[in-house]
Amino acid sequence: MTIERIEGGARMSMAVVHNATVYLAGQVAHGKAGGSIAEQTGDVLASVDEILAKAGTDKTKILSATIYLVDIAHFAEMNGIWDAWLAPGCAPARATVQATLAGPQFGVEISVTAAL
């Protein structure tokens, strides 16, 4: 059994690959932290693209996604960016919940699981 850890650290890895499946850690906006939900969502999705590429896959292979919003009132704003980013015909299983995130500068966090 092979397990590959991508950008692994002492506490967590950005992604783990096992059995032709890629599990991404929750991604938050780094470049746009504190920005609008639309800006943060775009930044997060760019990180998702980057990490999936490092694992050898892409957004067309996403199986499931969990989206955490600090305020569910931003659901439509986040969805506008998500819908434009998502590859046509490749919508994953998805849940969106309201949650407290790791810092007040973060308004959205996204975690995905993808096939290789």
Protein backbone atom coordinates (compact mmCIF):
# COMPACT_ATOMS: atom_id res chain seq x y z
CA MET A 1 0.00 0.00 0.00
CA THR A 2 1.48 3.32 -1.10
CA ILE A 3 0.60 6.63 0.52
CA GLU A 4 2.00 9.85 -0.95
CA ARG A 5 1.93 13.06 1.09
CA ILE A 6 2.06 16.34 -0.80
CA GLU A 7 3.51 19.36 1.01
CA GLY A 8 3.60 17.38 4.24
CA GLY A 9 4.41 19.01 7.53
CA ALA A 10 4.51 18.10 11.20
CA ARG A 11 0.77 18.73 11.66
CA MET A 12 -0.80 18.12 8.26
CA SER A 13 -0.28 17.60 4.54
CA MET A 14 -1.87 19.73 1.83
CA ALA A 15 -2.93 16.49 0.14
CA VAL A 16 -2.64 12.76 0.58
CA VAL A 17 -2.82 10.31 -2.32
CA HIS A 18 -3.90 6.73 -1.68
CA ASN A 19 -5.48 4.08 -3.86
CA ALA A 20 -5.95 6.45 -6.87
CA THR A 21 -7.74 9.02 -4.69
CA VAL A 22 -6.49 12.46 -3.66
CA TYR A 23 -7.66 13.98 -0.38
CA LEU A 24 -7.04 17.72 -0.04
CA ALA A 25 -6.82 19.52 3.27
CA GLY A 26 -9.19 22.44 3.67
CA GLN A 27 -7.87 25.39 1.65
CA VAL A 28 -8.24 29.01 2.73
CA ALA A 29 -7.36 32.23 0.94
CA HIS A 30 -3.76 33.22 1.49
CA GLY A 31 -3.31 35.96 -1.09
CA LYS A 32 -6.82 37.34 -0.60
CA ALA A 33 -7.31 36.74 3.14
CA GLY A 34 -9.59 39.46 4.47
CA GLY A 35 -10.98 40.16 0.98
CA SER A 36 -14.53 39.66 -0.22
CA ILE A 37 -15.99 36.16 -0.31
CA ALA A 38 -15.73 36.24 -4.11
CA GLU A 39 -12.02 37.17 -3.93
CA GLN A 40 -11.32 34.54 -1.28
CA THR A 41 -13.22 31.84 -3.15
CA GLY A 42 -11.23 32.54 -6.32
CA ASP A 43 -7.97 32.38 -4.35
CA VAL A 44 -8.98 29.11 -2.68
CA LEU A 45 -9.98 27.52 -5.97
CA ALA A 46 -6.64 28.52 -7.50
CA SER A 47 -4.96 26.67 -4.61
CA VAL A 48 -7.17 23.64 -5.22
CA ASP A 49 -6.13 23.66 -8.90
CA GLU A 50 -2.46 23.90 -7.94
CA ILE A 51 -2.53 21.08 -5.41
CA LEU A 52 -4.58 18.80 -7.66
CA ALA A 53 -2.00 19.36 -10.42
CA LYS A 54 0.82 18.41 -8.03
CA ALA A 55 -1.06 15.18 -7.32
CA GLY A 56 -1.49 14.47 -11.03
CA THR A 57 -5.18 15.25 -11.43
CA ASP A 58 -7.50 18.21 -11.97
CA LYS A 59 -10.92 19.68 -11.14
CA THR A 60 -12.68 17.47 -13.70
CA LYS A 61 -11.96 14.52 -11.41
CA ILE A 62 -13.33 16.00 -8.16
CA LEU A 63 -15.60 13.46 -6.47
CA SER A 64 -16.78 15.51 -3.50
CA ALA A 65 -16.37 18.96 -2.00
CA THR A 66 -17.13 20.47 1.38
CA ILE A 67 -17.38 24.25 1.56
CA TYR A 68 -17.30 26.08 4.88
CA LEU A 69 -18.63 29.65 5.02
CA VAL A 70 -18.30 31.91 8.05
CA ASP A 71 -21.69 33.38 7.11
CA ILE A 72 -24.15 31.36 5.00
CA ALA A 73 -25.51 34.70 3.76
CA HIS A 74 -22.50 34.64 1.38
CA PHE A 75 -23.75 31.42 -0.25
CA ALA A 76 -24.78 33.09 -3.55
CA GLU A 77 -21.54 35.13 -3.77
CA MET A 78 -19.42 32.01 -3.28
CA ASN A 79 -21.57 30.02 -5.73
CA GLY A 80 -21.04 32.63 -8.46
CA ILE A 81 -17.28 31.98 -8.36
CA TRP A 82 -17.66 28.21 -7.84
CA ASP A 83 -20.06 27.86 -10.79
CA ALA A 84 -17.74 29.79 -13.14
CA TRP A 85 -14.73 27.67 -12.04
CA LEU A 86 -16.39 24.26 -12.19
CA ALA A 87 -15.83 22.29 -15.40
CA PRO A 88 -19.12 21.77 -17.29
CA GLY A 89 -20.63 18.36 -16.59
CA CYS A 90 -18.21 17.69 -13.70
CA ALA A 91 -20.21 18.79 -10.65
CA PRO A 92 -19.10 16.76 -7.60
CA ALA A 93 -21.16 15.69 -4.63
CA ARG A 94 -21.07 18.78 -2.40
CA ALA A 95 -22.02 20.13 1.01
CA THR A 96 -21.88 23.74 2.14
CA VAL A 97 -22.08 24.62 5.83
CA GLN A 98 -21.68 27.64 8.05
CA ALA A 99 -18.69 27.32 10.37
CA THR A 100 -16.16 29.24 12.42
CA LEU A 101 -12.82 29.13 10.61
CA ALA A 102 -9.23 29.26 11.88
CA GLY A 103 -8.96 33.06 11.82
CA PRO A 104 -11.21 36.10 11.38
CA GLN A 105 -9.52 36.95 8.06
CA PHE A 106 -10.93 33.78 6.47
CA GLY A 107 -14.50 33.73 5.13
CA VAL A 108 -14.43 30.50 3.14
CA GLU A 109 -12.61 27.17 3.28
CA ILE A 110 -12.91 24.38 0.72
CA SER A 111 -11.86 20.74 0.94
CA VAL A 112 -12.11 18.29 -1.96
CA THR A 113 -11.54 14.65 -2.74
CA ALA A 114 -10.60 13.71 -6.31
CA ALA A 115 -9.79 10.68 -8.41
CA LEU A 116 -6.45 10.34 -10.20
